[in-house]
């Protein structure tokens, strides 16, 4: 799976599951057109969001920000 295939117009849809054993991409959800991502951090004090941003920034070697969904499991990341 090449993650760049899922980035459209500099945006990436993801579905997050916080408090998981490790941070990793686990698959694709065709119903929501989103990558399913497990995040090790808890969803408190913005920890899961920060870990998610760092994970994708390292993976893509680009600046990553959360465009929408700061308090939701469904998020849109802005890449670049």
C-alpha atoms as a PDB file:
ATOM      1  CA  UNK A   1       0.000   0.000   0.000  1.00  0.00           C
ATOM      2  CA  UNK A   2       1.427   3.354  -1.057  1.00  0.00           C
ATOM      3  CA  UNK A   3       0.041   6.089   1.157  1.00  0.00           C
ATOM      4  CA  UNK A   4       0.456   8.687  -1.600  1.00  0.00           C
ATOM      5  CA  UNK A   5      -2.363   6.968  -3.526  1.00  0.00           C
ATOM      6  CA  UNK A   6      -4.775   8.093  -0.795  1.00  0.00           C
ATOM      7  CA  UNK A   7      -3.765  11.765  -0.777  1.00  0.00           C
ATOM      8  CA  UNK A   8      -6.108  13.895  -2.885  1.00  0.00           C
ATOM      9  CA  UNK A   9      -5.505  17.627  -3.412  1.00  0.00           C
ATOM     10  CA  UNK A  10      -3.047  17.683  -0.503  1.00  0.00           C
ATOM     11  CA  UNK A  11      -5.575  16.108   1.869  1.00  0.00           C
ATOM     12  CA  UNK A  12      -5.740  12.708   3.507  1.00  0.00           C
ATOM     13  CA  UNK A  13      -8.882  11.293   5.144  1.00  0.00           C
ATOM     14  CA  UNK A  14      -8.223   9.114   8.176  1.00  0.00           C
ATOM     15  CA  UNK A  15     -10.203   7.222  10.793  1.00  0.00           C
ATOM     16  CA  UNK A  16      -8.333   7.133  14.107  1.00  0.00           C
ATOM     17  CA  UNK A  17      -8.451   4.565  16.892  1.00  0.00           C
ATOM     18  CA  UNK A  18      -6.567   6.016  19.895  1.00  0.00           C
ATOM     19  CA  UNK A  19      -5.113   4.086  22.847  1.00  0.00           C
ATOM     20  CA  UNK A  20      -3.921   1.189  20.655  1.00  0.00           C
ATOM     21  CA  UNK A  21      -0.890  -1.055  21.252  1.00  0.00           C
ATOM     22  CA  UNK A  22       1.156   0.860  18.639  1.00  0.00           C
ATOM     23  CA  UNK A  23       0.829   3.606  16.050  1.00  0.00           C
ATOM     24  CA  UNK A  24       0.311   2.128  12.589  1.00  0.00           C
ATOM     25  CA  UNK A  25      -1.846   2.201   9.470  1.00  0.00           C
ATOM     26  CA  UNK A  26      -4.071  -0.869   9.618  1.00  0.00           C
ATOM     27  CA  UNK A  27      -6.116  -0.606   6.452  1.00  0.00           C
ATOM     28  CA  UNK A  28      -8.643   1.276   4.364  1.00  0.00           C
ATOM     29  CA  UNK A  29     -12.322   1.975   4.986  1.00  0.00           C
ATOM     30  CA  UNK A  30     -14.068   2.283   1.616  1.00  0.00           C
ATOM     31  CA  UNK A  31     -17.358   3.468   3.175  1.00  0.00           C
ATOM     32  CA  UNK A  32     -15.708   6.654   4.481  1.00  0.00           C
ATOM     33  CA  UNK A  33     -12.846   6.735   1.915  1.00  0.00           C
ATOM     34  CA  UNK A  34     -10.397   6.858   4.841  1.00  0.00           C
ATOM     35  CA  UNK A  35      -7.224   5.165   5.988  1.00  0.00           C
ATOM     36  CA  UNK A  36      -7.699   3.363   9.306  1.00  0.00           C
ATOM     37  CA  UNK A  37      -4.952   4.333  11.751  1.00  0.00           C
ATOM     38  CA  UNK A  38      -4.204   3.037  15.237  1.00  0.00           C
ATOM     39  CA  UNK A  39      -2.559   5.592  17.554  1.00  0.00           C
ATOM     40  CA  UNK A  40      -0.765   4.524  20.727  1.00  0.00           C
ATOM     41  CA  UNK A  41      -1.457   7.768  22.640  1.00  0.00           C
ATOM     42  CA  UNK A  42      -4.596   8.423  24.664  1.00  0.00           C
ATOM     43  CA  UNK A  43      -7.140  10.933  23.308  1.00  0.00           C
ATOM     44  CA  UNK A  44      -6.615  13.384  26.160  1.00  0.00           C
ATOM     45  CA  UNK A  45      -4.677  16.670  26.278  1.00  0.00           C
ATOM     46  CA  UNK A  46      -4.324  16.473  22.467  1.00  0.00           C
ATOM     47  CA  UNK A  47      -1.749  13.659  22.831  1.00  0.00           C
ATOM     48  CA  UNK A  48      -3.256  11.406  20.142  1.00  0.00           C
ATOM     49  CA  UNK A  49      -3.420  14.289  17.642  1.00  0.00           C
ATOM     50  CA  UNK A  50       0.208  15.233  18.276  1.00  0.00           C
ATOM     51  CA  UNK A  51       1.371  11.632  17.839  1.00  0.00           C
ATOM     52  CA  UNK A  52      -0.711  11.310  14.657  1.00  0.00           C
ATOM     53  CA  UNK A  53       0.861  14.448  13.152  1.00  0.00           C
ATOM     54  CA  UNK A  54       4.395  13.284  14.034  1.00  0.00           C
ATOM     55  CA  UNK A  55       3.710   9.806  12.606  1.00  0.00           C
ATOM     56  CA  UNK A  56       2.515  11.096   9.211  1.00  0.00           C
ATOM     57  CA  UNK A  57       5.182  13.836   9.054  1.00  0.00           C
ATOM     58  CA  UNK A  58       7.915  11.191   9.494  1.00  0.00           C
ATOM     59  CA  UNK A  59       6.222   8.830   7.046  1.00  0.00           C
ATOM     60  CA  UNK A  60       5.686  11.412   4.294  1.00  0.00           C
ATOM     61  CA  UNK A  61       8.650  13.698   5.090  1.00  0.00           C
ATOM     62  CA  UNK A  62       6.324  16.697   4.749  1.00  0.00           C
ATOM     63  CA  UNK A  63       4.557  19.145   7.038  1.00  0.00           C
ATOM     64  CA  UNK A  64       1.246  17.721   8.295  1.00  0.00           C
ATOM     65  CA  UNK A  65      -1.602  19.545  10.038  1.00  0.00           C
ATOM     66  CA  UNK A  66      -5.106  18.530  11.049  1.00  0.00           C
ATOM     67  CA  UNK A  67      -7.542  20.385   8.788  1.00  0.00           C
ATOM     68  CA  UNK A  68     -10.770  19.097  10.381  1.00  0.00           C
ATOM     69  CA  UNK A  69     -11.725  16.712  13.160  1.00  0.00           C
ATOM     70  CA  UNK A  70      -9.590  17.803  16.120  1.00  0.00           C
ATOM     71  CA  UNK A  71     -11.993  16.151  18.573  1.00  0.00           C
ATOM     72  CA  UNK A  72     -13.354  13.476  16.229  1.00  0.00           C
ATOM     73  CA  UNK A  73     -12.143  10.021  15.171  1.00  0.00           C
ATOM     74  CA  UNK A  74     -12.729  11.040  11.542  1.00  0.00           C
ATOM     75  CA  UNK A  75     -10.054  13.563  10.502  1.00  0.00           C
ATOM     76  CA  UNK A  76      -8.750  15.273   7.409  1.00  0.00           C
ATOM     77  CA  UNK A  77      -5.011  15.899   7.346  1.00  0.00           C
ATOM     78  CA  UNK A  78      -3.456  18.643   5.229  1.00  0.00           C
ATOM     79  CA  UNK A  79      -0.214  17.458   3.653  1.00  0.00           C
ATOM     80  CA  UNK A  80       2.497  19.819   2.473  1.00  0.00           C
END
